[in-house]
N, C-alpha and C. Protein backbone atom coordinates (compact mmCIF):
# COMPACT_ATOMS: atom_id res chain seq x y z
N MET A 1 -21.84 10.67 -70.47
CA MET A 1 -22.54 9.54 -69.62
C MET A 1 -22.20 9.80 -68.41
N SER A 2 -23.45 10.03 -67.44
CA SER A 2 -23.03 10.29 -66.14
C SER A 2 -22.17 9.08 -65.29
N PRO A 3 -21.83 9.53 -64.11
CA PRO A 3 -21.12 8.65 -63.26
C PRO A 3 -21.71 7.43 -62.68
N LYS A 4 -22.85 7.39 -62.57
CA LYS A 4 -23.74 6.15 -62.57
C LYS A 4 -24.00 5.07 -63.65
N ASP A 5 -23.78 5.58 -64.94
CA ASP A 5 -23.75 5.20 -66.04
C ASP A 5 -22.36 4.03 -66.12
N SER A 6 -21.41 4.58 -65.64
CA SER A 6 -20.10 3.91 -65.84
C SER A 6 -19.80 2.91 -64.72
N ARG A 7 -20.91 2.88 -63.65
CA ARG A 7 -20.50 1.78 -62.74
C ARG A 7 -20.90 0.48 -63.30
N PRO A 8 -20.09 -0.63 -62.70
CA PRO A 8 -20.35 -1.96 -63.33
C PRO A 8 -21.87 -2.32 -62.99
N LYS A 9 -22.17 -3.09 -63.66
CA LYS A 9 -23.80 -3.62 -63.37
C LYS A 9 -23.84 -5.10 -63.09
N LEU A 10 -24.58 -5.15 -61.72
CA LEU A 10 -24.66 -6.52 -61.08
C LEU A 10 -25.80 -7.07 -60.95
N LEU A 11 -26.35 -8.01 -61.64
CA LEU A 11 -27.94 -8.75 -61.53
C LEU A 11 -27.85 -9.59 -60.62
N VAL A 12 -28.62 -9.45 -59.47
CA VAL A 12 -28.81 -10.29 -58.31
C VAL A 12 -30.24 -10.79 -58.62
N VAL A 13 -30.15 -12.49 -58.68
CA VAL A 13 -31.46 -13.22 -58.75
C VAL A 13 -31.55 -13.90 -57.69
N ASP A 14 -32.43 -13.67 -57.01
CA ASP A 14 -33.04 -14.63 -55.72
C ASP A 14 -34.48 -14.25 -55.35
N ASP A 15 -35.10 -15.09 -54.92
CA ASP A 15 -36.52 -15.35 -54.62
C ASP A 15 -36.76 -14.64 -53.36
N ASP A 16 -35.78 -14.48 -52.64
CA ASP A 16 -35.63 -13.68 -51.22
C ASP A 16 -35.66 -12.02 -51.13
N GLU A 17 -36.65 -11.73 -51.02
CA GLU A 17 -36.85 -10.08 -51.07
C GLU A 17 -35.73 -9.46 -50.12
N ALA A 18 -35.62 -9.77 -48.99
CA ALA A 18 -34.55 -9.29 -47.90
C ALA A 18 -33.28 -9.34 -48.42
N PHE A 19 -32.55 -10.34 -48.98
CA PHE A 19 -31.69 -10.80 -49.41
C PHE A 19 -31.13 -9.79 -50.61
N ARG A 20 -32.35 -9.62 -51.58
CA ARG A 20 -32.06 -8.76 -52.80
C ARG A 20 -31.66 -7.32 -52.31
N GLU A 21 -32.68 -6.71 -51.14
CA GLU A 21 -32.46 -5.38 -50.72
C GLU A 21 -31.17 -5.46 -50.21
N SER A 22 -30.74 -6.60 -49.21
CA SER A 22 -29.56 -6.47 -48.49
C SER A 22 -28.43 -6.56 -49.50
N MET A 23 -28.35 -7.05 -50.75
CA MET A 23 -27.39 -7.20 -51.70
C MET A 23 -27.08 -5.71 -52.29
N GLU A 24 -28.32 -5.17 -52.59
CA GLU A 24 -28.56 -3.99 -53.48
C GLU A 24 -27.85 -2.85 -52.66
N LEU A 25 -27.94 -2.89 -51.36
CA LEU A 25 -27.47 -1.87 -50.29
C LEU A 25 -26.05 -2.11 -50.17
N GLU A 26 -25.70 -3.44 -50.08
CA GLU A 26 -24.00 -3.39 -49.90
C GLU A 26 -23.21 -3.20 -51.23
N PHE A 27 -23.71 -3.73 -52.35
CA PHE A 27 -23.03 -3.62 -53.62
C PHE A 27 -23.18 -2.06 -54.09
N THR A 28 -24.20 -1.44 -53.84
CA THR A 28 -24.26 -0.18 -54.40
C THR A 28 -23.35 0.73 -53.50
N GLU A 29 -22.96 0.48 -52.36
CA GLU A 29 -21.65 1.19 -51.39
C GLU A 29 -20.34 0.57 -52.07
N LEU A 30 -20.30 -0.57 -52.51
CA LEU A 30 -19.01 -0.97 -53.46
C LEU A 30 -18.76 -0.56 -54.78
N GLY A 31 -19.87 0.13 -55.39
CA GLY A 31 -19.90 0.60 -56.63
C GLY A 31 -20.54 0.47 -57.56
N TYR A 32 -21.31 -0.42 -57.49
CA TYR A 32 -21.82 -1.10 -58.50
C TYR A 32 -23.46 -0.61 -58.65
N THR A 33 -23.85 -0.69 -59.99
CA THR A 33 -25.39 -0.50 -59.91
C THR A 33 -26.03 -1.97 -60.02
N VAL A 34 -26.84 -1.90 -58.81
CA VAL A 34 -27.59 -3.47 -58.97
C VAL A 34 -29.06 -3.70 -59.15
N ILE A 35 -29.07 -4.54 -60.07
CA ILE A 35 -30.44 -4.75 -60.96
C ILE A 35 -30.99 -6.15 -60.18
N PRO A 36 -32.03 -6.08 -59.19
CA PRO A 36 -32.60 -7.10 -58.56
C PRO A 36 -33.75 -8.05 -59.48
N ALA A 37 -33.67 -9.16 -59.32
CA ALA A 37 -34.62 -10.22 -60.15
C ALA A 37 -35.02 -10.93 -58.97
N GLU A 38 -36.30 -11.40 -59.22
CA GLU A 38 -36.78 -12.19 -58.35
C GLU A 38 -36.97 -13.79 -58.99
N ASP A 39 -36.85 -13.91 -60.18
CA ASP A 39 -37.03 -15.04 -60.88
C ASP A 39 -36.36 -15.21 -62.43
N HIS A 40 -36.55 -16.32 -63.02
CA HIS A 40 -35.79 -16.78 -64.35
C HIS A 40 -36.11 -15.53 -65.18
N ARG A 41 -37.52 -15.59 -65.33
CA ARG A 41 -38.17 -14.77 -66.51
C ARG A 41 -37.66 -13.05 -66.32
N SER A 42 -37.88 -12.68 -65.36
CA SER A 42 -37.38 -11.20 -64.96
C SER A 42 -35.83 -11.15 -65.15
N ALA A 43 -35.09 -12.12 -64.69
CA ALA A 43 -33.80 -11.91 -64.58
C ALA A 43 -33.25 -11.86 -66.39
N LEU A 44 -33.91 -12.66 -67.04
CA LEU A 44 -33.45 -12.43 -68.45
C LEU A 44 -34.10 -11.17 -69.01
N GLY A 45 -35.08 -10.81 -68.48
CA GLY A 45 -35.69 -9.47 -69.39
C GLY A 45 -34.75 -8.42 -68.88
N LEU A 46 -34.39 -8.31 -67.66
CA LEU A 46 -33.45 -7.30 -66.91
C LEU A 46 -31.94 -7.39 -67.60
N ALA A 47 -31.76 -8.82 -67.88
CA ALA A 47 -30.25 -8.65 -68.27
C ALA A 47 -30.29 -8.09 -69.94
N ALA A 48 -31.49 -8.46 -70.53
CA ALA A 48 -31.18 -8.26 -72.21
C ALA A 48 -31.50 -6.32 -71.96
N VAL A 49 -32.03 -5.61 -70.93
CA VAL A 49 -32.35 -4.55 -71.19
C VAL A 49 -30.79 -3.74 -70.69
N HIS A 50 -30.35 -4.26 -69.41
CA HIS A 50 -29.20 -3.72 -68.66
C HIS A 50 -27.79 -4.06 -69.28
N ARG A 51 -27.67 -5.29 -69.56
CA ARG A 51 -26.60 -6.04 -70.05
C ARG A 51 -25.47 -5.88 -68.87
N PRO A 52 -26.01 -6.77 -67.93
CA PRO A 52 -24.68 -6.36 -66.65
C PRO A 52 -23.59 -7.15 -66.89
N GLN A 53 -22.55 -6.84 -66.24
CA GLN A 53 -21.14 -7.54 -66.30
C GLN A 53 -21.16 -8.70 -65.47
N PHE A 54 -21.79 -8.59 -64.37
CA PHE A 54 -21.81 -9.45 -63.25
C PHE A 54 -23.21 -10.21 -62.67
N ALA A 55 -23.32 -11.18 -62.25
CA ALA A 55 -24.41 -11.66 -61.57
C ALA A 55 -24.37 -12.63 -60.55
N VAL A 56 -25.21 -12.45 -59.49
CA VAL A 56 -25.36 -13.35 -58.42
C VAL A 56 -26.51 -14.12 -58.35
N ILE A 57 -26.59 -15.57 -58.22
CA ILE A 57 -27.63 -16.18 -58.59
C ILE A 57 -27.62 -17.34 -57.83
N ASP A 58 -29.24 -17.16 -56.82
CA ASP A 58 -29.18 -18.46 -55.97
C ASP A 58 -29.43 -19.79 -56.67
N LEU A 59 -28.95 -20.62 -56.29
CA LEU A 59 -29.34 -21.93 -57.07
C LEU A 59 -31.02 -22.63 -56.89
N ARG A 60 -31.65 -22.01 -55.74
CA ARG A 60 -32.82 -22.32 -55.75
C ARG A 60 -33.81 -21.10 -55.55
N LEU A 61 -34.83 -20.85 -56.80
CA LEU A 61 -35.66 -19.66 -56.81
C LEU A 61 -36.89 -20.11 -56.78
N GLY A 62 -37.59 -20.68 -55.47
CA GLY A 62 -39.01 -21.04 -55.39
C GLY A 62 -38.78 -22.41 -56.13
N ALA A 63 -39.35 -22.53 -56.94
CA ALA A 63 -39.90 -23.91 -58.08
C ALA A 63 -39.00 -23.85 -59.03
N GLU A 64 -38.15 -22.82 -59.57
CA GLU A 64 -37.43 -22.74 -60.39
C GLU A 64 -35.85 -22.97 -59.91
N ARG A 65 -35.07 -23.21 -60.96
CA ARG A 65 -33.41 -23.60 -60.74
C ARG A 65 -32.72 -22.41 -61.31
N GLY A 66 -31.82 -22.07 -60.24
CA GLY A 66 -30.77 -21.21 -60.55
C GLY A 66 -29.93 -21.31 -61.76
N LEU A 67 -29.77 -22.89 -62.13
CA LEU A 67 -28.70 -23.44 -62.71
C LEU A 67 -29.48 -22.97 -64.26
N GLU A 68 -30.56 -23.20 -64.74
CA GLU A 68 -31.13 -22.83 -65.73
C GLU A 68 -31.01 -21.08 -65.98
N VAL A 69 -31.01 -20.27 -65.13
CA VAL A 69 -30.98 -19.12 -65.24
C VAL A 69 -29.32 -18.40 -65.70
N LEU A 70 -28.82 -19.33 -64.94
CA LEU A 70 -27.08 -18.96 -65.38
C LEU A 70 -26.73 -19.89 -66.87
N ALA A 71 -27.36 -20.96 -66.87
CA ALA A 71 -27.16 -21.44 -68.62
C ALA A 71 -27.76 -20.20 -69.43
N ASP A 72 -28.82 -19.65 -69.35
CA ASP A 72 -29.40 -18.70 -70.21
C ASP A 72 -28.73 -17.32 -70.02
N LEU A 73 -28.39 -17.03 -68.92
CA LEU A 73 -27.71 -15.77 -69.09
C LEU A 73 -26.04 -15.69 -69.72
N VAL A 74 -25.32 -16.93 -69.60
CA VAL A 74 -24.20 -17.15 -70.24
C VAL A 74 -24.29 -17.08 -71.51
N GLU A 75 -25.32 -17.70 -71.93
CA GLU A 75 -25.57 -17.92 -73.58
C GLU A 75 -25.80 -16.39 -74.14
N ARG A 76 -26.49 -15.75 -73.33
CA ARG A 76 -27.04 -14.23 -74.17
C ARG A 76 -26.01 -13.48 -73.79
N LEU A 77 -25.02 -13.65 -72.74
CA LEU A 77 -23.93 -12.65 -72.29
C LEU A 77 -22.81 -13.27 -72.34
N PRO A 78 -22.28 -13.55 -73.03
CA PRO A 78 -20.97 -14.50 -72.78
C PRO A 78 -19.92 -14.31 -71.97
N GLY A 79 -19.56 -12.76 -71.60
CA GLY A 79 -18.72 -12.52 -71.01
C GLY A 79 -19.32 -12.35 -69.71
N ILE A 80 -20.17 -12.74 -69.10
CA ILE A 80 -21.07 -11.99 -67.64
C ILE A 80 -20.08 -13.15 -66.93
N ARG A 81 -19.56 -12.59 -65.34
CA ARG A 81 -19.14 -13.10 -64.41
C ARG A 81 -20.18 -13.31 -63.38
N ALA A 82 -20.45 -14.52 -63.02
CA ALA A 82 -21.79 -15.28 -62.52
C ALA A 82 -21.03 -16.09 -61.29
N VAL A 83 -21.80 -15.87 -60.17
CA VAL A 83 -21.32 -16.48 -59.04
C VAL A 83 -22.83 -17.16 -58.45
N MET A 84 -22.60 -18.20 -58.27
CA MET A 84 -23.69 -18.91 -57.79
C MET A 84 -23.75 -19.26 -56.15
N LEU A 85 -24.98 -18.95 -55.61
CA LEU A 85 -25.17 -19.17 -54.16
C LEU A 85 -25.96 -20.05 -53.59
N THR A 86 -25.78 -20.77 -52.67
CA THR A 86 -26.66 -21.82 -52.25
C THR A 86 -26.71 -22.06 -50.98
N GLY A 87 -27.95 -22.43 -50.42
CA GLY A 87 -27.99 -22.97 -48.85
C GLY A 87 -27.75 -24.47 -48.88
N TYR A 88 -27.87 -25.04 -50.14
CA TYR A 88 -27.86 -26.26 -50.14
C TYR A 88 -27.03 -26.98 -51.14
N SER A 89 -25.47 -26.77 -50.60
CA SER A 89 -24.39 -27.15 -51.39
C SER A 89 -24.16 -28.58 -51.52
N SER A 90 -23.87 -28.84 -52.72
CA SER A 90 -23.47 -30.35 -53.13
C SER A 90 -22.46 -30.24 -54.29
N ILE A 91 -21.87 -31.45 -54.20
CA ILE A 91 -20.77 -31.45 -55.30
C ILE A 91 -21.15 -31.67 -56.53
N ALA A 92 -22.48 -32.28 -56.85
CA ALA A 92 -22.95 -32.29 -57.98
C ALA A 92 -23.50 -31.01 -58.62
N THR A 93 -24.01 -30.25 -58.02
CA THR A 93 -24.64 -28.84 -58.44
C THR A 93 -23.17 -27.84 -58.44
N THR A 94 -22.29 -27.86 -57.68
CA THR A 94 -20.89 -27.22 -57.73
C THR A 94 -20.33 -27.65 -59.08
N VAL A 95 -20.19 -28.59 -59.72
CA VAL A 95 -19.69 -29.04 -60.66
C VAL A 95 -20.46 -28.51 -61.89
N GLU A 96 -21.79 -28.92 -61.81
CA GLU A 96 -22.62 -28.52 -63.00
C GLU A 96 -22.70 -26.95 -63.06
N ALA A 97 -22.69 -26.17 -61.86
CA ALA A 97 -22.75 -24.79 -61.97
C ALA A 97 -21.36 -24.08 -62.87
N MET A 98 -20.25 -24.83 -62.42
CA MET A 98 -19.10 -24.44 -63.18
C MET A 98 -18.81 -24.90 -64.60
N LYS A 99 -19.67 -26.11 -64.83
CA LYS A 99 -19.34 -26.46 -66.20
C LYS A 99 -20.54 -25.52 -67.19
N LEU A 100 -21.67 -24.74 -66.53
CA LEU A 100 -22.51 -24.01 -67.13
C LEU A 100 -21.90 -22.49 -67.31
N GLY A 101 -20.63 -22.33 -66.56
CA GLY A 101 -20.16 -21.00 -66.77
C GLY A 101 -20.21 -20.19 -65.79
N ALA A 102 -20.49 -20.90 -64.35
CA ALA A 102 -20.34 -19.77 -63.26
C ALA A 102 -18.79 -19.57 -62.96
N HIS A 103 -18.71 -18.34 -62.38
CA HIS A 103 -16.98 -18.02 -62.30
C HIS A 103 -16.66 -18.45 -60.82
N HIS A 104 -17.62 -18.65 -59.97
CA HIS A 104 -17.59 -19.07 -58.45
C HIS A 104 -18.80 -19.83 -58.21
N TYR A 105 -18.84 -20.47 -56.88
CA TYR A 105 -20.08 -20.92 -56.08
C TYR A 105 -19.70 -20.75 -54.67
N LEU A 106 -20.60 -20.13 -54.08
CA LEU A 106 -20.14 -19.78 -52.55
C LEU A 106 -21.73 -20.43 -51.85
N VAL A 107 -21.20 -20.96 -50.59
CA VAL A 107 -22.39 -21.25 -49.82
C VAL A 107 -22.91 -20.14 -48.82
N LYS A 108 -24.18 -20.14 -48.97
CA LYS A 108 -24.81 -18.97 -48.01
C LYS A 108 -24.83 -19.78 -46.51
N PRO A 109 -24.76 -18.88 -45.46
CA PRO A 109 -24.51 -17.57 -45.58
C PRO A 109 -23.35 -17.02 -46.02
N CYS A 110 -23.08 -16.18 -46.63
CA CYS A 110 -21.50 -15.70 -47.04
C CYS A 110 -21.87 -13.97 -47.15
N ASP A 111 -20.20 -13.87 -46.58
CA ASP A 111 -20.45 -12.09 -46.46
C ASP A 111 -20.17 -11.41 -47.91
N PRO A 112 -21.01 -10.39 -48.16
CA PRO A 112 -20.85 -9.40 -49.55
C PRO A 112 -19.40 -9.31 -49.83
N ASP A 113 -18.39 -9.32 -49.04
CA ASP A 113 -16.92 -8.93 -49.41
C ASP A 113 -16.73 -10.45 -50.27
N ALA A 114 -16.98 -11.52 -49.62
CA ALA A 114 -16.48 -12.90 -50.41
C ALA A 114 -17.02 -12.64 -51.70
N ILE A 115 -18.63 -12.28 -51.64
CA ILE A 115 -19.14 -12.33 -53.35
C ILE A 115 -18.31 -11.26 -54.03
N HIS A 116 -17.96 -10.15 -53.47
CA HIS A 116 -17.20 -9.07 -54.39
C HIS A 116 -15.78 -9.69 -54.61
N MET A 117 -15.29 -10.30 -53.83
CA MET A 117 -13.95 -11.06 -54.43
C MET A 117 -14.06 -12.02 -55.53
N ALA A 118 -15.17 -12.94 -55.07
CA ALA A 118 -15.39 -13.89 -56.00
C ALA A 118 -15.88 -13.20 -57.46
N LEU A 119 -16.40 -12.21 -57.39
CA LEU A 119 -16.58 -11.57 -58.95
C LEU A 119 -15.39 -10.93 -59.61
N GLN A 120 -14.62 -10.49 -58.75
CA GLN A 120 -13.48 -9.68 -59.28
C GLN A 120 -12.14 -10.82 -59.44
N SER A 121 -12.02 -11.74 -58.93
CA SER A 121 -10.91 -12.52 -59.06
C SER A 121 -10.79 -13.22 -60.16
N ASP A 122 -9.70 -13.56 -60.82
CA ASP A 122 -9.46 -14.17 -61.94
C ASP A 122 -9.31 -15.60 -61.90
N LYS A 123 -8.76 -16.10 -60.65
CA LYS A 123 -8.25 -17.44 -60.47
C LYS A 123 -8.78 -17.75 -59.25
N GLY A 124 -8.70 -19.18 -58.83
CA GLY A 124 -9.04 -19.35 -57.37
C GLY A 124 -8.06 -19.39 -56.39
N ASP A 125 -8.18 -19.60 -55.15
CA ASP A 125 -7.39 -19.55 -54.01
C ASP A 125 -7.21 -21.15 -53.41
N PRO A 126 -6.04 -21.23 -53.75
CA PRO A 126 -5.15 -22.54 -53.14
C PRO A 126 -5.14 -22.80 -51.63
N THR A 127 -5.43 -21.58 -50.96
CA THR A 127 -5.20 -21.36 -49.63
C THR A 127 -6.51 -21.64 -48.89
N VAL A 128 -7.56 -21.95 -49.54
CA VAL A 128 -8.94 -21.99 -48.95
C VAL A 128 -9.03 -22.97 -47.91
N ALA A 129 -9.64 -22.58 -46.95
CA ALA A 129 -9.83 -23.93 -45.60
C ALA A 129 -10.50 -25.01 -46.28
N ILE A 130 -9.91 -26.30 -45.76
CA ILE A 130 -10.66 -27.22 -46.25
C ILE A 130 -11.28 -27.98 -44.64
N PRO A 131 -12.90 -27.98 -44.56
CA PRO A 131 -13.31 -28.25 -43.10
C PRO A 131 -12.78 -29.54 -43.02
N ASP A 132 -12.41 -29.62 -41.44
CA ASP A 132 -12.15 -30.90 -41.02
C ASP A 132 -13.00 -31.97 -41.06
N GLN A 133 -14.60 -31.50 -40.89
CA GLN A 133 -15.56 -32.51 -40.57
C GLN A 133 -16.62 -32.24 -41.77
N PRO A 134 -16.81 -33.33 -42.53
CA PRO A 134 -18.16 -33.03 -43.45
C PRO A 134 -19.35 -32.62 -42.66
N PRO A 135 -20.26 -31.82 -43.38
CA PRO A 135 -21.63 -31.58 -42.63
C PRO A 135 -22.20 -32.91 -42.25
N SER A 136 -22.77 -32.89 -40.89
CA SER A 136 -23.36 -33.85 -40.21
C SER A 136 -24.49 -34.50 -41.37
N LEU A 137 -24.85 -35.41 -41.04
CA LEU A 137 -26.22 -36.30 -41.52
C LEU A 137 -27.22 -35.42 -41.17
N ALA A 138 -27.53 -35.05 -39.89
CA ALA A 138 -28.46 -34.28 -39.34
C ALA A 138 -28.70 -33.09 -40.25
N ARG A 139 -27.64 -32.34 -40.36
CA ARG A 139 -27.90 -31.03 -41.47
C ARG A 139 -28.27 -31.22 -42.66
N HIS A 140 -27.76 -32.36 -43.32
CA HIS A 140 -28.02 -32.68 -44.62
C HIS A 140 -29.58 -33.04 -44.88
N GLU A 141 -29.99 -33.93 -43.44
CA GLU A 141 -31.75 -34.24 -43.60
C GLU A 141 -32.39 -32.97 -43.44
N ARG A 142 -31.90 -31.84 -42.30
CA ARG A 142 -32.63 -30.53 -42.10
C ARG A 142 -32.91 -29.91 -43.55
N GLU A 143 -31.59 -29.67 -44.32
CA GLU A 143 -31.55 -29.04 -45.33
C GLU A 143 -32.64 -29.60 -46.51
N TYR A 144 -32.67 -30.83 -46.57
CA TYR A 144 -33.37 -31.58 -47.62
C TYR A 144 -34.77 -31.31 -47.17
N ILE A 145 -35.21 -31.59 -46.10
CA ILE A 145 -36.42 -31.58 -45.43
C ILE A 145 -36.91 -29.84 -45.74
N GLU A 146 -36.19 -28.72 -45.47
CA GLU A 146 -36.65 -27.74 -45.62
C GLU A 146 -36.67 -27.24 -47.31
N ALA A 147 -36.11 -28.00 -48.05
CA ALA A 147 -36.25 -27.92 -49.51
C ALA A 147 -37.64 -28.43 -49.86
N VAL A 148 -37.80 -29.50 -49.47
CA VAL A 148 -38.93 -30.17 -49.89
C VAL A 148 -40.37 -29.48 -49.58
N LEU A 149 -40.05 -29.08 -48.27
CA LEU A 149 -40.88 -27.92 -47.70
C LEU A 149 -41.33 -26.68 -48.58
N ALA A 150 -40.13 -26.39 -48.86
CA ALA A 150 -40.19 -24.88 -49.83
C ALA A 150 -40.80 -25.10 -50.95
N ALA A 151 -40.68 -26.27 -51.51
CA ALA A 151 -41.02 -26.66 -52.81
C ALA A 151 -42.76 -27.09 -52.65
N THR A 152 -43.36 -27.36 -51.52
CA THR A 152 -44.46 -27.71 -51.34
C THR A 152 -45.31 -26.42 -51.04
N GLY A 153 -44.59 -25.25 -50.64
CA GLY A 153 -45.45 -24.22 -50.31
C GLY A 153 -45.81 -24.33 -48.72
N GLY A 154 -44.89 -25.04 -47.81
CA GLY A 154 -45.11 -25.33 -46.53
C GLY A 154 -46.30 -26.25 -46.34
N ASN A 155 -46.54 -26.97 -47.11
CA ASN A 155 -47.68 -28.12 -46.86
C ASN A 155 -46.92 -29.18 -46.63
N ILE A 156 -47.04 -29.43 -44.97
CA ILE A 156 -46.59 -30.66 -44.46
C ILE A 156 -47.08 -31.88 -45.10
N SER A 157 -48.33 -31.78 -45.16
CA SER A 157 -48.96 -33.37 -45.61
C SER A 157 -48.25 -33.74 -46.95
N GLU A 158 -48.15 -32.28 -47.91
CA GLU A 158 -47.74 -32.90 -49.19
C GLU A 158 -45.99 -33.25 -48.92
N ALA A 159 -45.62 -32.47 -48.47
CA ALA A 159 -44.09 -32.41 -48.00
C ALA A 159 -43.82 -34.11 -47.73
N ALA A 160 -44.66 -34.64 -46.61
CA ALA A 160 -44.65 -35.66 -45.86
C ALA A 160 -44.51 -36.78 -46.77
N ARG A 161 -45.60 -36.70 -47.74
CA ARG A 161 -45.88 -37.63 -49.12
C ARG A 161 -44.65 -37.80 -49.68
N ARG A 162 -44.30 -36.42 -50.10
CA ARG A 162 -43.14 -36.61 -51.01
C ARG A 162 -41.79 -37.20 -50.49
N LEU A 163 -41.50 -36.87 -49.08
CA LEU A 163 -40.59 -37.71 -48.57
C LEU A 163 -40.52 -38.80 -48.04
N GLY A 164 -41.87 -39.62 -48.28
CA GLY A 164 -42.02 -40.76 -48.03
C GLY A 164 -42.38 -40.93 -46.41
N LEU A 165 -42.72 -39.86 -45.37
CA LEU A 165 -42.88 -40.14 -44.34
C LEU A 165 -44.39 -40.08 -43.91
N HIS A 166 -44.46 -40.42 -42.80
CA HIS A 166 -45.91 -40.02 -42.03
C HIS A 166 -45.87 -38.80 -41.63
N ARG A 167 -47.05 -38.12 -41.81
CA ARG A 167 -47.21 -36.50 -41.57
C ARG A 167 -46.72 -36.34 -40.08
N GLN A 168 -46.98 -37.05 -39.07
CA GLN A 168 -46.50 -36.86 -37.86
C GLN A 168 -44.98 -37.01 -37.63
N SER A 169 -44.43 -37.79 -38.05
CA SER A 169 -43.20 -38.15 -38.11
C SER A 169 -42.15 -36.79 -38.71
N LEU A 170 -42.65 -36.48 -39.92
CA LEU A 170 -42.19 -35.10 -40.37
C LEU A 170 -42.50 -33.83 -39.21
N GLN A 171 -43.70 -33.94 -38.60
CA GLN A 171 -43.85 -32.77 -37.74
C GLN A 171 -42.93 -32.98 -36.58
N ARG A 172 -42.72 -34.17 -36.13
CA ARG A 172 -41.51 -34.42 -35.24
C ARG A 172 -40.11 -33.74 -35.45
N LYS A 173 -39.94 -34.46 -36.71
CA LYS A 173 -38.51 -33.66 -37.10
C LYS A 173 -38.21 -32.49 -37.03
N LEU A 174 -39.47 -31.49 -37.73
CA LEU A 174 -39.38 -30.14 -37.72
C LEU A 174 -39.25 -29.51 -36.23
N ARG A 175 -39.64 -30.07 -35.38
CA ARG A 175 -39.75 -29.58 -33.96
C ARG A 175 -38.45 -29.69 -33.61
N LYS A 176 -37.55 -30.96 -34.18
CA LYS A 176 -36.23 -31.48 -33.53
C LYS A 176 -35.13 -30.41 -34.48
N TYR A 177 -35.66 -30.16 -35.50
CA TYR A 177 -34.79 -29.16 -36.63
C TYR A 177 -35.67 -28.14 -37.07
N PRO A 178 -35.85 -27.04 -36.21
CA PRO A 178 -36.72 -25.80 -36.63
C PRO A 178 -35.92 -25.32 -37.79
N PRO A 179 -36.83 -24.88 -38.67
CA PRO A 179 -36.46 -24.06 -40.20
C PRO A 179 -35.37 -23.04 -39.68
N ARG A 180 -34.33 -22.66 -40.54
CA ARG A 180 -33.52 -21.58 -40.28
C ARG A 180 -34.11 -20.40 -40.59
N ARG A 181 -33.94 -19.24 -39.94
CA ARG A 181 -34.50 -17.91 -40.49
C ARG A 181 -33.34 -17.28 -40.93
């Protein structure tokens, strides 16, 4: 067995190619063999072939849901340690991810070292900081608008229809809260 074969395997499931490449660079340096996947189907196929011990899964994979990927991975590889990542954190998705077998749940943007620690830790950290203020309503609104806009492929008219807004009202909101890059 070569030294590369003995490295722990990490499946990274995210629809953002730049993020997958960044994770691959970071975790290769940390001693992992990184297996990038962009969607549910490729994640399951690669997991069947490579049998990773670890996974990092984005909650939103374009039109797909990372929670479904998590459930299928845990079913097929019961010992896998999975960390859910999201830019759209909510209590409901956090609880559901943990019920489905996530080892940890982290909010983007997060440091690769934090992901590495989450993959390796066996128990939670009671000293984790509790925010003084909940996220603002404006932030929630912006994140929800971004999610709907992403689900419509950037089609403002369709996003406005789904949000129950006039197209011009949505355009004003988008100017007020430009999408994060």
